Amino acid sequence: MKSNTSKLIFAIATAMTAAVLTLFLFHKSETLKDHSFIFFKYPQTPGLYATKDSVFISKQLKNTEKRIAASLRKLENLLPYGPYLLINTTQNKFVLRTRKEVIREGICSTGSYILLEAGDGKQWMFKTPKGMFPILGKIVDPVWIKPDWAFVEESLPIPPRNHPDRLEYGTLGDYALTLGDGYLIHGTLYQRFLGLPVTHGCVRLGDEDLEIVFRSLNVGSRVYIF
């Protein structure tokens, strides 16, 4: 019994001596510390995490800004070098501009979206088309060649295609720019309705605005309608 007790006391003493020696060596030896940190790594402090996150976010932000700048340069390269016209059909506003500056802006009138039915399956929706349209022609003192719907709208008989009754003078103002398929940018006798969606699909401008737009744009100039 005494032998077993002695062995136990000796084992405890040996273990304590080893522990004290290990702690002493750990304190004095940088190499031992380095090796111990390889096996026992503690999580970094929140401050270090925050610093790493800030650096990462900063890098991501700079990369995003570079991509945005590159996209804007590509977008600018798609724009015409000369003047072009923007038509906003929702707000009934226009902007005449170049890449660098606004030349003129103001109100206009675009399609009313009224549906006119003539019977026998004939109908017309008065909306302004959207997209990019080149100017196909420029006309001074344009004459309106009234289409069929103009007579249906007034409950009048539709005359033959080349009948004089189809010609109407002074209605379109002093100038007109053709966009194709019968759509024009032109003036109006009804200046008080500018800014409202009241047209049959054409774009109406006020007299002064129309003259500036007419003189600024050439055949081939672009008109963006949205």
Protein backbone atom coordinates (compact mmCIF):
# COMPACT_ATOMS: atom_id res chain seq x y z
CA MET A 1 0.00 0.00 0.00
CA LYS A 2 2.83 2.36 0.93
CA SER A 3 4.58 1.42 -2.28
CA ASN A 4 1.57 2.42 -4.39
CA THR A 5 1.20 5.73 -2.54
CA SER A 6 4.84 6.54 -3.05
CA LYS A 7 4.56 5.83 -6.75
CA LEU A 8 1.52 8.12 -7.04
CA ILE A 9 3.28 10.96 -5.20
CA PHE A 10 6.33 10.49 -7.40
CA ALA A 11 4.20 10.59 -10.58
CA ILE A 12 2.43 13.77 -9.48
CA ALA A 13 5.70 15.42 -8.59
CA THR A 14 7.21 14.43 -11.91
CA ALA A 15 4.22 15.77 -13.82
CA MET A 16 4.31 19.07 -11.95
CA THR A 17 8.03 19.41 -12.53
CA ALA A 18 7.55 18.75 -16.25
CA ALA A 19 4.75 21.31 -16.43
CA VAL A 20 6.84 23.97 -14.67
CA LEU A 21 9.77 23.21 -16.94
CA THR A 22 7.60 23.43 -20.05
CA LEU A 23 6.17 26.77 -18.99
CA PHE A 24 9.67 28.06 -18.26
CA LEU A 25 10.96 26.94 -21.65
CA PHE A 26 7.88 28.33 -23.40
CA HIS A 27 8.46 31.70 -21.78
CA LYS A 28 12.16 31.77 -22.68
CA SER A 29 12.08 30.14 -26.14
CA GLU A 30 10.66 32.09 -29.16
CA THR A 31 10.97 28.96 -31.31
CA LEU A 32 8.77 26.97 -28.95
CA LYS A 33 6.22 29.76 -29.00
CA ASP A 34 6.22 29.79 -32.79
CA HIS A 35 5.69 26.03 -32.94
CA SER A 36 2.92 26.17 -30.38
CA PHE A 37 1.06 28.83 -32.41
CA ILE A 38 1.09 26.51 -35.43
CA PHE A 39 -0.97 23.96 -33.48
CA PHE A 40 -3.02 26.35 -31.36
CA LYS A 41 -4.33 29.22 -33.47
CA TYR A 42 -6.80 31.64 -31.96
CA PRO A 43 -9.38 33.52 -33.99
CA GLN A 44 -8.43 37.04 -35.01
CA THR A 45 -9.96 39.97 -33.20
CA PRO A 46 -13.08 41.66 -34.68
CA GLY A 47 -10.98 44.73 -35.40
CA LEU A 48 -8.77 42.77 -37.76
CA TYR A 49 -11.82 41.29 -39.47
CA ALA A 50 -13.25 44.81 -39.86
CA THR A 51 -10.00 46.04 -41.38
CA LYS A 52 -9.91 43.16 -43.87
CA ASP A 53 -13.55 43.74 -44.80
CA SER A 54 -12.92 47.45 -45.31
CA VAL A 55 -9.97 46.76 -47.59
CA PHE A 56 -12.00 44.19 -49.56
CA ILE A 57 -15.00 46.53 -49.90
CA SER A 58 -12.72 49.38 -50.94
CA LYS A 59 -11.17 47.23 -53.68
CA GLN A 60 -14.60 46.09 -54.86
CA LEU A 61 -15.82 49.70 -54.92
CA LYS A 62 -12.84 50.83 -57.01
CA ASN A 63 -13.36 47.94 -59.45
CA THR A 64 -17.06 48.80 -59.74
CA GLU A 65 -16.26 52.47 -60.41
CA LYS A 66 -13.81 51.41 -63.14
CA ARG A 67 -16.45 49.18 -64.77
CA ILE A 68 -19.03 51.98 -64.64
CA ALA A 69 -16.58 54.44 -66.20
CA ALA A 70 -15.77 51.93 -68.96
CA SER A 71 -19.48 51.35 -69.62
CA LEU A 72 -20.12 55.10 -69.82
CA ARG A 73 -17.30 55.47 -72.35
CA LYS A 74 -18.78 52.67 -74.45
CA LEU A 75 -22.22 54.29 -74.21
CA GLU A 76 -20.83 57.66 -75.25
CA ASN A 77 -19.19 56.05 -78.28
CA LEU A 78 -22.62 54.85 -79.39
CA LEU A 79 -23.99 58.39 -79.45
CA PRO A 80 -23.86 60.48 -82.63
CA TYR A 81 -21.14 63.09 -83.04
CA GLY A 82 -23.60 65.68 -84.36
CA PRO A 83 -26.86 66.96 -82.84
CA TYR A 84 -29.61 64.48 -82.09
CA LEU A 85 -33.13 64.65 -80.71
CA LEU A 86 -34.64 62.88 -77.70
CA ILE A 87 -38.42 62.57 -77.42
CA ASN A 88 -39.96 61.48 -74.10
CA THR A 89 -43.51 60.33 -74.90
CA THR A 90 -44.39 59.82 -71.23
CA GLN A 91 -43.65 63.39 -70.19
CA ASN A 92 -44.15 64.90 -73.67
CA LYS A 93 -40.79 66.64 -73.54
CA PHE A 94 -37.91 66.90 -75.99
CA VAL A 95 -34.18 67.54 -75.73
CA LEU A 96 -32.04 68.62 -78.66
CA ARG A 97 -28.42 68.02 -77.80
CA THR A 98 -24.93 66.91 -78.76
CA ARG A 99 -22.59 64.67 -76.79
CA LYS A 100 -21.34 67.63 -74.81
CA GLU A 101 -24.23 70.06 -74.40
CA VAL A 102 -27.95 70.67 -74.53
CA ILE A 103 -28.95 72.92 -77.43
CA ARG A 104 -32.66 73.20 -76.71
CA GLU A 105 -35.28 71.53 -74.56
CA GLY A 106 -38.97 71.99 -74.05
CA ILE A 107 -42.41 70.45 -74.36
CA CYS A 108 -43.94 68.63 -77.30
CA SER A 109 -47.02 66.58 -78.06
CA THR A 110 -47.08 62.90 -78.96
CA GLY A 111 -49.64 60.16 -79.65
CA SER A 112 -52.93 60.12 -77.80
CA TYR A 113 -53.34 56.30 -77.81
CA ILE A 114 -56.94 56.77 -78.92
CA LEU A 115 -58.36 53.86 -80.90
CA LEU A 116 -60.46 54.89 -83.90
CA GLU A 117 -62.67 52.23 -85.43
CA ALA A 118 -64.12 52.58 -88.92
CA GLY A 119 -66.09 49.34 -89.12
CA ASP A 120 -65.41 46.38 -91.39
CA GLY A 121 -62.38 45.57 -89.22
CA LYS A 122 -60.62 48.88 -89.96
CA GLN A 123 -59.12 50.67 -87.00
CA TRP A 124 -56.26 53.00 -86.14
CA MET A 125 -54.32 53.37 -82.89
CA PHE A 126 -52.87 56.87 -82.59
CA LYS A 127 -49.54 56.21 -80.90
CA THR A 128 -46.05 57.53 -81.52
CA PRO A 129 -43.62 54.76 -82.45
CA LYS A 130 -40.64 54.18 -80.17
CA GLY A 131 -37.05 53.53 -81.15
CA MET A 132 -34.26 55.21 -83.07
CA PHE A 133 -35.24 56.92 -86.33
CA PRO A 134 -32.97 58.72 -88.81
CA ILE A 135 -34.27 61.90 -90.39
CA LEU A 136 -35.29 60.88 -93.90
CA GLY A 137 -36.22 64.31 -95.25
CA LYS A 138 -36.67 68.00 -94.46
CA ILE A 139 -39.58 70.01 -95.81
CA VAL A 140 -40.24 73.75 -95.77
CA ASP A 141 -43.93 74.80 -95.81
CA PRO A 142 -45.18 71.19 -95.69
CA VAL A 143 -48.59 70.24 -97.02
CA TRP A 144 -50.56 67.65 -95.10
CA ILE A 145 -51.83 64.83 -97.29
CA LYS A 146 -54.77 63.68 -95.22
CA PRO A 147 -54.94 59.89 -94.69
CA ASP A 148 -58.17 57.89 -94.58
CA TRP A 149 -58.53 58.14 -90.81
CA ALA A 150 -58.73 61.96 -91.00
CA PHE A 151 -62.00 61.66 -92.91
CA VAL A 152 -63.34 58.81 -90.76
CA GLU A 153 -62.64 60.89 -87.66
CA GLU A 154 -64.79 63.72 -89.06
CA SER A 155 -67.48 61.31 -90.35
CA LEU A 156 -66.74 62.35 -93.92
CA PRO A 157 -66.64 60.14 -97.02
CA ILE A 158 -63.14 58.98 -97.93
CA PRO A 159 -62.07 60.55 -101.26
CA PRO A 160 -59.83 58.83 -103.86
CA ARG A 161 -56.11 58.72 -103.11
CA ASN A 162 -55.04 61.72 -105.23
CA HIS A 163 -58.14 63.83 -104.68
CA PRO A 164 -57.56 67.57 -103.91
CA ASP A 165 -59.62 67.21 -100.74
CA ARG A 166 -56.73 65.31 -99.23
CA LEU A 167 -54.45 68.36 -99.35
CA GLU A 168 -54.43 70.70 -96.38
CA TYR A 169 -52.14 73.74 -96.20
CA GLY A 170 -50.76 75.44 -93.10
CA THR A 171 -51.71 72.70 -90.64
CA LEU A 172 -48.18 71.35 -90.10
CA GLY A 173 -46.44 74.66 -89.44
CA ASP A 174 -43.45 76.08 -91.30
CA TYR A 175 -41.25 72.97 -91.22
CA ALA A 176 -41.46 69.19 -91.09
CA LEU A 177 -38.93 66.40 -90.67
CA THR A 178 -39.91 62.98 -91.97
CA LEU A 179 -39.29 59.80 -89.96
CA GLY A 180 -40.89 57.28 -92.31
CA ASP A 181 -44.25 55.46 -92.45
CA GLY A 182 -46.07 58.79 -92.48
CA TYR A 183 -44.67 59.99 -89.16
CA LEU A 184 -43.38 63.57 -88.97
CA ILE A 185 -41.95 66.07 -86.57
CA HIS A 186 -43.90 69.23 -87.39
CA GLY A 187 -45.55 72.36 -86.07
CA THR A 188 -49.11 72.87 -84.94
CA LEU A 189 -51.93 75.37 -84.98
CA TYR A 190 -52.87 74.26 -81.47
CA GLN A 191 -49.95 75.58 -79.41
CA ARG A 192 -52.01 75.46 -76.22
CA PHE A 193 -52.07 71.66 -76.38
CA LEU A 194 -48.28 71.28 -76.37
CA GLY A 195 -47.15 69.07 -73.51
CA LEU A 196 -50.21 66.85 -73.87
CA PRO A 197 -50.61 63.48 -75.65
CA VAL A 198 -53.05 64.63 -78.32
CA THR A 199 -51.52 63.75 -81.71
CA HIS A 200 -52.30 61.00 -84.17
CA GLY A 201 -48.74 59.68 -83.86
CA CYS A 202 -46.58 62.54 -85.12
CA VAL A 203 -44.48 64.72 -82.83
CA ARG A 204 -45.63 68.34 -82.60
CA LEU A 205 -43.35 71.19 -81.56
CA GLY A 206 -43.87 74.88 -80.93
CA ASP A 207 -42.87 77.32 -83.67
CA GLU A 208 -39.54 78.48 -82.20
CA ASP A 209 -38.55 75.01 -81.02
CA LEU A 210 -39.39 73.54 -84.42
CA GLU A 211 -37.24 76.08 -86.28
CA ILE A 212 -34.21 75.38 -84.07
CA VAL A 213 -34.66 71.61 -84.37
CA PHE A 214 -35.13 71.90 -88.14
CA ARG A 215 -31.97 73.96 -88.59
CA SER A 216 -29.89 71.81 -86.21
CA LEU A 217 -30.72 68.38 -87.62
CA ASN A 218 -29.75 67.08 -91.04
CA VAL A 219 -30.92 64.18 -93.15
CA GLY A 220 -29.51 61.15 -91.36
CA SER A 221 -29.52 62.78 -87.92
CA ARG A 222 -30.95 60.52 -85.24
CA VAL A 223 -34.17 60.88 -83.32
CA TYR A 224 -34.59 58.72 -80.21
CA ILE A 225 -38.21 58.24 -79.14
CA PHE A 226 -39.00 56.50 -75.87
